[in-house]
Amino acid sequence: MSRVLVASDLDRTLIYSEAALALATGERPRLICVEHYLGREASFMTERAGELARHLSGVATVMPTTTRTPEQLHRVTLPGGPQRFAVAANGGILLVDGQVDAAWSTQVRRRLAEAAPLDEVWAYLGRVCDQAWTTKLRNAEDLFCYAVIDRIRMPTEFLTQTTEWAVRRGWGTSLQGRKLYWVPKTLTKAAAVREVARRIDAAIVLAAGDSLLDIDLLESADLGVHPRHGELFDTDWSAPHVTRTSETGVLAGEAILEWFAATAQKYDPTAPADSTSTISHDPERRLPC
């Protein structure tokens, strides 16, 4: 197993819903479908991104690192998989060969005791999330909560108010597309990534993400990258060791995988020189799988 560990967020980082593709007029990359939900195509990446992902799996230990629940994560099929490790539920669940790692779950429960209990947050959300702009309210694996919202109808002051409420209780918030998350501050992707890095004796950790929930992941990595969209871009977040793509949308996902492949190759002496140059690039778009 490669000692180069690549820990990457998925949604709006590597994979994109149709609404998040953000393709300009005239841009026609070939797309592949990487997720189906309720019989429909749900998430995509460019065909070249898929080829880069397959290449990357040969020179690095690739680990999806997501806020998705295990059930939601299992809907995604990344090229180059299956991946031995995956981080789900914002670091709350570590999957090893598809199975929940019980030892890690025990550590997580111990850390969660440092923040207000989920029951308190859940009761609060039931009071303040108005049905006029809240489509769904969900408890994710008894670890955190999220709401599917109508951003246009949601009061402009609500995000600030609920964030202040959460912070006083050791929780944080993150608005990603139509989902608003409430997550304990002690529940982090970075902690789970450090655990996997320890287990494989990683020589270097590379990371990518687009949201406020990815800050700890990017800060703890040796090198990182984030797309030119999302919460990190919108808030002008930066760190000396983290780069930013010049592309947006699904093309940013391709650029991130290009960066991963090139950077991982530098730290893997077994990788053939310039191996990414053999990957084809056809600009013509085809219908998604």
C-alpha atoms as a PDB file:
ATOM      1  CA  MET A   1       0.000   0.000   0.000  1.00  0.00           C
ATOM      2  CA  SER A   2       1.313   3.414  -0.965  1.00  0.00           C
ATOM      3  CA  ARG A   3       2.440   5.657   1.889  1.00  0.00           C
ATOM      4  CA  VAL A   4       1.076   8.679   0.032  1.00  0.00           C
ATOM      5  CA  LEU A   5      -2.364   9.254   1.577  1.00  0.00           C
ATOM      6  CA  VAL A   6      -4.902  11.237  -0.464  1.00  0.00           C
ATOM      7  CA  ALA A   7      -7.869  12.337   1.650  1.00  0.00           C
ATOM      8  CA  SER A   8     -10.514  14.122  -0.393  1.00  0.00           C
ATOM      9  CA  ASP A   9     -13.981  15.451   0.158  1.00  0.00           C
ATOM     10  CA  LEU A  10     -16.456  14.282  -2.489  1.00  0.00           C
ATOM     11  CA  ASP A  11     -19.423  16.562  -3.186  1.00  0.00           C
ATOM     12  CA  ARG A  12     -18.487  19.745  -5.040  1.00  0.00           C
ATOM     13  CA  THR A  13     -14.824  18.744  -4.721  1.00  0.00           C
ATOM     14  CA  LEU A  14     -14.392  15.561  -6.779  1.00  0.00           C
ATOM     15  CA  ILE A  15     -17.990  14.808  -7.796  1.00  0.00           C
ATOM     16  CA  TYR A  16     -20.808  17.120  -8.876  1.00  0.00           C
ATOM     17  CA  SER A  17     -24.561  17.050  -9.203  1.00  0.00           C
ATOM     18  CA  GLU A  18     -26.008  18.312 -12.466  1.00  0.00           C
ATOM     19  CA  ALA A  19     -26.894  21.597 -10.768  1.00  0.00           C
ATOM     20  CA  ALA A  20     -23.299  22.060  -9.580  1.00  0.00           C
ATOM     21  CA  LEU A  21     -21.500  21.319 -12.882  1.00  0.00           C
ATOM     22  CA  ALA A  22     -21.061  25.066 -13.541  1.00  0.00           C
ATOM     23  CA  LEU A  23     -20.146  24.647 -17.205  1.00  0.00           C
ATOM     24  CA  ALA A  24     -19.909  27.814 -19.255  1.00  0.00           C
ATOM     25  CA  THR A  25     -21.428  28.112 -22.701  1.00  0.00           C
ATOM     26  CA  GLY A  26     -19.228  26.186 -25.111  1.00  0.00           C
ATOM     27  CA  GLU A  27     -17.641  23.945 -22.468  1.00  0.00           C
ATOM     28  CA  ARG A  28     -18.436  20.348 -23.396  1.00  0.00           C
ATOM     29  CA  PRO A  29     -16.309  17.899 -21.408  1.00  0.00           C
ATOM     30  CA  ARG A  30     -17.201  14.222 -21.560  1.00  0.00           C
ATOM     31  CA  LEU A  31     -18.951  13.262 -18.333  1.00  0.00           C
ATOM     32  CA  ILE A  32     -19.236   9.963 -16.482  1.00  0.00           C
ATOM     33  CA  CYS A  33     -21.820   9.133 -13.842  1.00  0.00           C
ATOM     34  CA  VAL A  34     -20.421   8.057 -10.449  1.00  0.00           C
ATOM     35  CA  GLU A  35     -23.625   7.941  -8.411  1.00  0.00           C
ATOM     36  CA  HIS A  36     -27.195   6.767  -8.949  1.00  0.00           C
ATOM     37  CA  TYR A  37     -30.015   7.598  -6.542  1.00  0.00           C
ATOM     38  CA  LEU A  38     -33.593   6.357  -6.832  1.00  0.00           C
ATOM     39  CA  GLY A  39     -32.848   5.095 -10.331  1.00  0.00           C
ATOM     40  CA  ARG A  40     -31.487   8.420 -11.546  1.00  0.00           C
ATOM     41  CA  GLU A  41     -28.008   9.702 -12.305  1.00  0.00           C
ATOM     42  CA  ALA A  42     -27.029  11.906  -9.371  1.00  0.00           C
ATOM     43  CA  SER A  43     -23.318  12.792  -9.484  1.00  0.00           C
ATOM     44  CA  PHE A  44     -20.713  13.177 -12.194  1.00  0.00           C
ATOM     45  CA  MET A  45     -17.086  13.832 -12.968  1.00  0.00           C
ATOM     46  CA  THR A  46     -15.371  14.415 -16.269  1.00  0.00           C
ATOM     47  CA  GLU A  47     -14.126  11.396 -18.150  1.00  0.00           C
ATOM     48  CA  ARG A  48     -10.571  12.670 -17.786  1.00  0.00           C
ATOM     49  CA  ALA A  49     -11.104  13.046 -14.033  1.00  0.00           C
ATOM     50  CA  GLY A  50     -12.124   9.385 -13.959  1.00  0.00           C
ATOM     51  CA  GLU A  51      -8.942   8.398 -15.770  1.00  0.00           C
ATOM     52  CA  LEU A  52      -6.890  10.484 -13.360  1.00  0.00           C
ATOM     53  CA  ALA A  53      -8.648   8.845 -10.404  1.00  0.00           C
ATOM     54  CA  ARG A  54      -7.759   5.394 -11.726  1.00  0.00           C
ATOM     55  CA  HIS A  55      -4.153   6.470 -12.194  1.00  0.00           C
ATOM     56  CA  LEU A  56      -4.060   8.004  -8.716  1.00  0.00           C
ATOM     57  CA  SER A  57      -5.162   4.753  -7.090  1.00  0.00           C
ATOM     58  CA  GLY A  58      -1.971   3.189  -8.435  1.00  0.00           C
ATOM     59  CA  VAL A  59       0.378   5.723  -6.842  1.00  0.00           C
ATOM     60  CA  ALA A  60      -1.452   6.640  -3.628  1.00  0.00           C
ATOM     61  CA  THR A  61      -3.813   5.367  -0.961  1.00  0.00           C
ATOM     62  CA  VAL A  62      -7.004   7.187  -1.942  1.00  0.00           C
ATOM     63  CA  MET A  63      -9.492   7.767   0.856  1.00  0.00           C
ATOM     64  CA  PRO A  64     -12.887   9.454   0.325  1.00  0.00           C
ATOM     65  CA  THR A  65     -13.367  11.819   3.269  1.00  0.00           C
ATOM     66  CA  THR A  66     -16.920  13.047   3.412  1.00  0.00           C
ATOM     67  CA  THR A  67     -19.810  14.302   5.513  1.00  0.00           C
ATOM     68  CA  ARG A  68     -22.025  11.710   3.804  1.00  0.00           C
ATOM     69  CA  THR A  69     -23.373   8.861   5.882  1.00  0.00           C
ATOM     70  CA  PRO A  70     -22.107   5.364   5.003  1.00  0.00           C
ATOM     71  CA  GLU A  71     -25.391   4.667   3.193  1.00  0.00           C
ATOM     72  CA  GLN A  72     -24.986   7.805   1.082  1.00  0.00           C
ATOM     73  CA  LEU A  73     -21.308   7.077   0.487  1.00  0.00           C
ATOM     74  CA  HIS A  74     -21.999   3.549  -0.750  1.00  0.00           C
ATOM     75  CA  ARG A  75     -24.001   5.018  -3.636  1.00  0.00           C
ATOM     76  CA  VAL A  76     -20.796   6.522  -5.052  1.00  0.00           C
ATOM     77  CA  THR A  77     -18.459   4.458  -7.226  1.00  0.00           C
ATOM     78  CA  LEU A  78     -15.164   6.242  -7.789  1.00  0.00           C
ATOM     79  CA  PRO A  79     -12.962   5.067 -10.666  1.00  0.00           C
ATOM     80  CA  GLY A  80      -9.963   3.170  -9.332  1.00  0.00           C
ATOM     81  CA  GLY A  81     -11.904   1.681  -6.423  1.00  0.00           C
ATOM     82  CA  PRO A  82     -12.844   0.051  -4.243  1.00  0.00           C
ATOM     83  CA  GLN A  83     -10.891   2.084  -1.701  1.00  0.00           C
ATOM     84  CA  ARG A  84      -9.671   0.250   1.394  1.00  0.00           C
ATOM     85  CA  PHE A  85     -10.327   3.204   3.700  1.00  0.00           C
ATOM     86  CA  ALA A  86     -13.113   5.788   3.718  1.00  0.00           C
ATOM     87  CA  VAL A  87     -14.113   8.453   6.211  1.00  0.00           C
ATOM     88  CA  ALA A  88     -17.858   9.099   6.532  1.00  0.00           C
ATOM     89  CA  ALA A  89     -20.071  11.301   8.718  1.00  0.00           C
ATOM     90  CA  ASN A  90     -17.471  14.080   8.905  1.00  0.00           C
ATOM     91  CA  GLY A  91     -14.965  11.810  10.630  1.00  0.00           C
ATOM     92  CA  GLY A  92     -17.471  10.106  12.879  1.00  0.00           C
ATOM     93  CA  ILE A  93     -17.245   6.795  11.035  1.00  0.00           C
ATOM     94  CA  LEU A  94     -14.163   5.081   9.642  1.00  0.00           C
ATOM     95  CA  LEU A  95     -14.789   2.358   7.080  1.00  0.00           C
ATOM     96  CA  VAL A  96     -12.146  -0.300   6.489  1.00  0.00           C
ATOM     97  CA  ASP A  97     -12.892  -2.537   3.511  1.00  0.00           C
ATOM     98  CA  GLY A  98     -16.478  -1.303   3.702  1.00  0.00           C
ATOM     99  CA  GLN A  99     -16.955  -2.194   7.380  1.00  0.00           C
ATOM    100  CA  VAL A 100     -17.324   0.200  10.309  1.00  0.00           C
ATOM    101  CA  ASP A 101     -14.187   0.316  12.463  1.00  0.00           C
ATOM    102  CA  ALA A 102     -15.483  -0.215  16.003  1.00  0.00           C
ATOM    103  CA  ALA A 103     -12.340   1.009  17.747  1.00  0.00           C
ATOM    104  CA  TRP A 104     -12.566   4.355  15.983  1.00  0.00           C
ATOM    105  CA  SER A 105     -16.274   4.679  16.794  1.00  0.00           C
ATOM    106  CA  THR A 106     -15.437   4.279  20.494  1.00  0.00           C
ATOM    107  CA  GLN A 107     -12.903   7.105  20.304  1.00  0.00           C
ATOM    108  CA  VAL A 108     -15.424   9.340  18.553  1.00  0.00           C
ATOM    109  CA  ARG A 109     -18.132   8.815  21.179  1.00  0.00           C
ATOM    110  CA  ARG A 110     -15.644   9.795  23.866  1.00  0.00           C
ATOM    111  CA  ARG A 111     -14.857  13.074  22.079  1.00  0.00           C
ATOM    112  CA  LEU A 112     -18.518  13.902  21.494  1.00  0.00           C
ATOM    113  CA  ALA A 113     -19.053  14.118  25.248  1.00  0.00           C
ATOM    114  CA  GLU A 114     -17.138  17.424  25.153  1.00  0.00           C
ATOM    115  CA  ALA A 115     -19.962  19.176  23.237  1.00  0.00           C
ATOM    116  CA  ALA A 116     -23.667  19.646  23.903  1.00  0.00           C
ATOM    117  CA  PRO A 117     -25.651  16.439  23.298  1.00  0.00           C
ATOM    118  CA  LEU A 118     -27.290  15.859  19.946  1.00  0.00           C
ATOM    119  CA  ASP A 119     -30.732  15.643  21.592  1.00  0.00           C
ATOM    120  CA  GLU A 120     -30.439  19.293  22.656  1.00  0.00           C
ATOM    121  CA  VAL A 121     -29.496  20.402  19.149  1.00  0.00           C
ATOM    122  CA  TRP A 122     -32.210  18.279  17.557  1.00  0.00           C
ATOM    123  CA  ALA A 123     -34.885  19.769  19.814  1.00  0.00           C
ATOM    124  CA  TYR A 124     -33.652  23.284  18.990  1.00  0.00           C
ATOM    125  CA  LEU A 125     -33.765  22.621  15.246  1.00  0.00           C
ATOM    126  CA  GLY A 126     -37.290  21.291  15.540  1.00  0.00           C
ATOM    127  CA  ARG A 127     -38.277  24.673  16.957  1.00  0.00           C
ATOM    128  CA  VAL A 128     -36.400  27.043  14.635  1.00  0.00           C
ATOM    129  CA  CYS A 129     -36.368  25.324  11.216  1.00  0.00           C
ATOM    130  CA  ASP A 130     -39.560  26.686   9.704  1.00  0.00           C
ATOM    131  CA  GLN A 131     -41.393  24.359   7.317  1.00  0.00           C
ATOM    132  CA  ALA A 132     -41.809  27.310   4.959  1.00  0.00           C
ATOM    133  CA  TRP A 133     -38.138  26.928   3.973  1.00  0.00           C
ATOM    134  CA  THR A 134     -37.086  23.565   5.433  1.00  0.00           C
ATOM    135  CA  THR A 135     -37.712  20.556   3.208  1.00  0.00           C
ATOM    136  CA  LYS A 136     -36.111  17.920   5.432  1.00  0.00           C
ATOM    137  CA  LEU A 137     -34.455  17.733   8.840  1.00  0.00           C
ATOM    138  CA  ARG A 138     -32.140  14.783   9.376  1.00  0.00           C
ATOM    139  CA  ASN A 139     -30.173  13.131  12.186  1.00  0.00           C
ATOM    140  CA  ALA A 140     -27.021  11.628  10.652  1.00  0.00           C
ATOM    141  CA  GLU A 141     -25.975   8.467  12.480  1.00  0.00           C
ATOM    142  CA  ASP A 142     -26.660  10.152  15.866  1.00  0.00           C
ATOM    143  CA  LEU A 143     -23.534  12.236  15.234  1.00  0.00           C
ATOM    144  CA  PHE A 144     -24.745  15.506  13.699  1.00  0.00           C
ATOM    145  CA  CYS A 145     -27.790  17.097  12.055  1.00  0.00           C
ATOM    146  CA  TYR A 146     -28.579  18.729   8.749  1.00  0.00           C
ATOM    147  CA  ALA A 147     -31.499  20.410   7.041  1.00  0.00           C
ATOM    148  CA  VAL A 148     -32.385  20.531   3.360  1.00  0.00           C
ATOM    149  CA  ILE A 149     -33.467  24.114   2.837  1.00  0.00           C
ATOM    150  CA  ASP A 150     -34.739  26.633   0.335  1.00  0.00           C
ATOM    151  CA  ARG A 151     -31.954  29.226   0.467  1.00  0.00           C
ATOM    152  CA  ILE A 152     -34.096  31.926  -1.124  1.00  0.00           C
ATOM    153  CA  ARG A 153     -36.854  31.592   1.467  1.00  0.00           C
ATOM    154  CA  MET A 154     -34.594  31.101   4.490  1.00  0.00           C
ATOM    155  CA  PRO A 155     -34.326  34.376   6.461  1.00  0.00           C
ATOM    156  CA  THR A 156     -30.993  36.081   5.810  1.00  0.00           C
ATOM    157  CA  GLU A 157     -30.261  36.433   9.527  1.00  0.00           C
ATOM    158  CA  PHE A 158     -30.948  32.774  10.354  1.00  0.00           C
ATOM    159  CA  LEU A 159     -27.486  31.455   9.482  1.00  0.00           C
ATOM    160  CA  THR A 160     -25.775  33.983  11.751  1.00  0.00           C
ATOM    161  CA  GLN A 161     -28.209  33.365  14.595  1.00  0.00           C
ATOM    162  CA  THR A 162     -28.028  29.580  14.456  1.00  0.00           C
ATOM    163  CA  THR A 163     -24.236  29.642  14.149  1.00  0.00           C
ATOM    164  CA  GLU A 164     -23.950  31.776  17.282  1.00  0.00           C
ATOM    165  CA  TRP A 165     -26.296  29.408  19.116  1.00  0.00           C
ATOM    166  CA  ALA A 166     -24.282  26.379  17.990  1.00  0.00           C
ATOM    167  CA  VAL A 167     -20.868  27.824  18.853  1.00  0.00           C
ATOM    168  CA  ARG A 168     -21.944  28.449  22.453  1.00  0.00           C
ATOM    169  CA  ARG A 169     -22.619  24.717  22.718  1.00  0.00           C
ATOM    170  CA  GLY A 170     -19.447  23.426  21.100  1.00  0.00           C
ATOM    171  CA  TRP A 171     -21.012  22.936  17.669  1.00  0.00           C
ATOM    172  CA  GLY A 172     -20.469  24.604  14.293  1.00  0.00           C
ATOM    173  CA  THR A 173     -22.451  25.136  11.094  1.00  0.00           C
ATOM    174  CA  SER A 174     -21.744  24.771   7.390  1.00  0.00           C
ATOM    175  CA  LEU A 175     -23.965  25.755   4.452  1.00  0.00           C
ATOM    176  CA  GLN A 176     -23.318  23.610   1.376  1.00  0.00           C
ATOM    177  CA  GLY A 177     -25.684  24.034  -1.523  1.00  0.00           C
ATOM    178  CA  ARG A 178     -29.172  23.260  -0.222  1.00  0.00           C
ATOM    179  CA  LYS A 179     -27.917  21.578   2.961  1.00  0.00           C
ATOM    180  CA  LEU A 180     -27.225  23.322   6.254  1.00  0.00           C
ATOM    181  CA  TYR A 181     -25.189  21.254   8.721  1.00  0.00           C
ATOM    182  CA  TRP A 182     -24.831  21.435  12.501  1.00  0.00           C
ATOM    183  CA  VAL A 183     -21.745  19.473  13.570  1.00  0.00           C
ATOM    184  CA  PRO A 184     -19.933  19.105  16.928  1.00  0.00           C
ATOM    185  CA  LYS A 185     -16.567  20.874  16.890  1.00  0.00           C
ATOM    186  CA  THR A 186     -14.972  17.679  18.200  1.00  0.00           C
ATOM    187  CA  LEU A 187     -16.217  15.706  15.178  1.00  0.00           C
ATOM    188  CA  THR A 188     -13.574  16.301  12.498  1.00  0.00           C
ATOM    189  CA  LYS A 189     -12.356  14.764   9.292  1.00  0.00           C
ATOM    190  CA  ALA A 190      -8.773  15.563  10.301  1.00  0.00           C
ATOM    191  CA  ALA A 191      -8.832  13.272  13.331  1.00  0.00           C
ATOM    192  CA  ALA A 192      -9.964  10.301  11.246  1.00  0.00           C
ATOM    193  CA  VAL A 193      -7.384  11.044   8.559  1.00  0.00           C
ATOM    194  CA  ARG A 194      -4.615  11.192  11.172  1.00  0.00           C
ATOM    195  CA  GLU A 195      -5.708   7.765  12.418  1.00  0.00           C
ATOM    196  CA  VAL A 196      -5.456   6.232   8.946  1.00  0.00           C
ATOM    197  CA  ALA A 197      -2.136   8.003   8.329  1.00  0.00           C
ATOM    198  CA  ARG A 198      -0.846   6.382  11.519  1.00  0.00           C
ATOM    199  CA  ARG A 199      -2.058   2.937  10.502  1.00  0.00           C
ATOM    200  CA  ILE A 200      -0.402   2.986   7.072  1.00  0.00           C
ATOM    201  CA  ASP A 201       2.645   4.949   8.254  1.00  0.00           C
ATOM    202  CA  ALA A 202       1.928   7.620   5.649  1.00  0.00           C
ATOM    203  CA  ALA A 203       4.904   9.591   4.397  1.00  0.00           C
ATOM    204  CA  ILE A 204       2.723  12.500   3.273  1.00  0.00           C
ATOM    205  CA  VAL A 205      -0.956  13.450   3.431  1.00  0.00           C
ATOM    206  CA  LEU A 206      -2.606  15.322   0.543  1.00  0.00           C
ATOM    207  CA  ALA A 207      -6.101  16.740   0.989  1.00  0.00           C
ATOM    208  CA  ALA A 208      -8.893  18.549  -0.846  1.00  0.00           C
ATOM    209  CA  GLY A 209     -12.203  20.105   0.160  1.00  0.00           C
ATOM    210  CA  ASP A 210     -14.523  23.028  -0.518  1.00  0.00           C
ATOM    211  CA  SER A 211     -16.436  23.775   2.694  1.00  0.00           C
ATOM    212  CA  LEU A 212     -15.871  25.104   6.201  1.00  0.00           C
ATOM    213  CA  LEU A 213     -16.075  21.502   7.412  1.00  0.00           C
ATOM    214  CA  ASP A 214     -12.922  20.822   5.373  1.00  0.00           C
ATOM    215  CA  ILE A 215     -10.753  23.454   7.055  1.00  0.00           C
ATOM    216  CA  ASP A 216      -9.400  21.093   9.715  1.00  0.00           C
ATOM    217  CA  LEU A 217      -8.710  18.489   7.017  1.00  0.00           C
ATOM    218  CA  LEU A 218      -6.758  20.947   4.882  1.00  0.00           C
ATOM    219  CA  GLU A 219      -4.916  22.520   7.808  1.00  0.00           C
ATOM    220  CA  SER A 220      -3.709  19.161   9.099  1.00  0.00           C
ATOM    221  CA  ALA A 221      -2.531  17.893   5.680  1.00  0.00           C
ATOM    222  CA  ASP A 222       1.011  18.329   4.423  1.00  0.00           C
ATOM    223  CA  LEU A 223      -0.310  19.823   1.182  1.00  0.00           C
ATOM    224  CA  GLY A 224      -3.810  20.665   0.042  1.00  0.00           C
ATOM    225  CA  VAL A 225      -6.017  22.116  -2.663  1.00  0.00           C
ATOM    226  CA  HIS A 226      -9.503  23.594  -2.815  1.00  0.00           C
ATOM    227  CA  PRO A 227     -11.738  24.571  -5.732  1.00  0.00           C
ATOM    228  CA  ARG A 228     -12.533  28.082  -6.867  1.00  0.00           C
ATOM    229  CA  HIS A 229     -16.062  27.805  -5.469  1.00  0.00           C
ATOM    230  CA  GLY A 230     -17.785  26.828  -2.241  1.00  0.00           C
ATOM    231  CA  GLU A 231     -17.541  28.192   1.292  1.00  0.00           C
ATOM    232  CA  LEU A 232     -13.740  28.325   1.361  1.00  0.00           C
ATOM    233  CA  PHE A 233     -13.607  30.386  -1.808  1.00  0.00           C
ATOM    234  CA  ASP A 234     -16.555  32.560  -0.798  1.00  0.00           C
ATOM    235  CA  THR A 235     -14.900  33.412   2.546  1.00  0.00           C
ATOM    236  CA  ASP A 236     -11.461  33.853   0.933  1.00  0.00           C
ATOM    237  CA  TRP A 237      -9.982  31.213   3.231  1.00  0.00           C
ATOM    238  CA  SER A 238      -6.343  30.346   2.589  1.00  0.00           C
ATOM    239  CA  ALA A 239      -3.326  28.613   4.100  1.00  0.00           C
ATOM    240  CA  PRO A 240       0.331  28.713   2.996  1.00  0.00           C
ATOM    241  CA  HIS A 241       0.423  25.029   2.052  1.00  0.00           C
ATOM    242  CA  VAL A 242      -2.983  24.959   0.306  1.00  0.00           C
ATOM    243  CA  THR A 243      -3.430  25.901  -3.345  1.00  0.00           C
ATOM    244  CA  ARG A 244      -6.590  26.881  -5.197  1.00  0.00           C
ATOM    245  CA  THR A 245      -7.750  25.780  -8.633  1.00  0.00           C
ATOM    246  CA  SER A 246      -8.361  28.330 -11.348  1.00  0.00           C
ATOM    247  CA  GLU A 247     -11.339  26.260 -12.541  1.00  0.00           C
ATOM    248  CA  THR A 248     -14.828  26.057 -11.054  1.00  0.00           C
ATOM    249  CA  GLY A 249     -17.476  23.344 -10.983  1.00  0.00           C
ATOM    250  CA  VAL A 250     -16.812  19.914 -12.409  1.00  0.00           C
ATOM    251  CA  LEU A 251     -13.681  21.164 -14.179  1.00  0.00           C
ATOM    252  CA  ALA A 252     -12.272  22.070 -10.767  1.00  0.00           C
ATOM    253  CA  GLY A 253     -12.756  18.429  -9.778  1.00  0.00           C
ATOM    254  CA  GLU A 254     -10.658  17.405 -12.757  1.00  0.00           C
ATOM    255  CA  ALA A 255      -7.988  19.967 -11.844  1.00  0.00           C
ATOM    256  CA  ILE A 256      -7.872  18.677  -8.263  1.00  0.00           C
ATOM    257  CA  LEU A 257      -7.285  15.114  -9.450  1.00  0.00           C
ATOM    258  CA  GLU A 258      -4.610  16.385 -11.833  1.00  0.00           C
ATOM    259  CA  TRP A 259      -2.912  18.066  -8.871  1.00  0.00           C
ATOM    260  CA  PHE A 260      -3.250  14.954  -6.705  1.00  0.00           C
ATOM    261  CA  ALA A 261      -1.741  12.735  -9.399  1.00  0.00           C
ATOM    262  CA  ALA A 262       1.198  15.033 -10.099  1.00  0.00           C
ATOM    263  CA  THR A 263       1.927  15.659  -6.422  1.00  0.00           C
ATOM    264  CA  ALA A 264       1.573  12.021  -5.371  1.00  0.00           C
ATOM    265  CA  GLN A 265       3.939  10.968  -8.129  1.00  0.00           C
ATOM    266  CA  LYS A 266       6.670  13.176  -6.648  1.00  0.00           C
ATOM    267  CA  TYR A 267       6.485  11.256  -3.379  1.00  0.00           C
ATOM    268  CA  ASP A 268       6.144   7.733  -4.810  1.00  0.00           C
ATOM    269  CA  PRO A 269       9.475   6.502  -6.171  1.00  0.00           C
ATOM    270  CA  THR A 270       7.791   3.504  -7.810  1.00  0.00           C
ATOM    271  CA  ALA A 271       5.573   5.659 -10.050  1.00  0.00           C
ATOM    272  CA  PRO A 272       6.660   5.824 -13.717  1.00  0.00           C
ATOM    273  CA  ALA A 273       7.875   9.246 -14.784  1.00  0.00           C
ATOM    274  CA  ASP A 274       5.296  11.446 -16.552  1.00  0.00           C
ATOM    275  CA  SER A 275       2.732   8.639 -16.337  1.00  0.00           C
ATOM    276  CA  THR A 276      -0.185  11.088 -16.329  1.00  0.00           C
ATOM    277  CA  SER A 277       0.823  12.312 -19.779  1.00  0.00           C
ATOM    278  CA  THR A 278      -0.516   9.101 -21.334  1.00  0.00           C
ATOM    279  CA  ILE A 279      -4.058   9.829 -20.166  1.00  0.00           C
ATOM    280  CA  SER A 280      -6.241  10.830 -23.086  1.00  0.00           C
ATOM    281  CA  HIS A 281      -8.245  14.032 -23.185  1.00  0.00           C
ATOM    282  CA  ASP A 282     -11.217  14.227 -25.514  1.00  0.00           C
ATOM    283  CA  PRO A 283     -13.073  17.547 -25.204  1.00  0.00           C
ATOM    284  CA  GLU A 284     -16.270  16.264 -26.803  1.00  0.00           C
ATOM    285  CA  ARG A 285     -19.040  15.524 -24.381  1.00  0.00           C
ATOM    286  CA  ARG A 286     -21.016  12.293 -24.356  1.00  0.00           C
ATOM    287  CA  LEU A 287     -24.275  11.558 -22.595  1.00  0.00           C
ATOM    288  CA  PRO A 288     -23.687  10.675 -18.917  1.00  0.00           C
ATOM    289  CA  CYS A 289     -23.755   6.900 -18.408  1.00  0.00           C
END
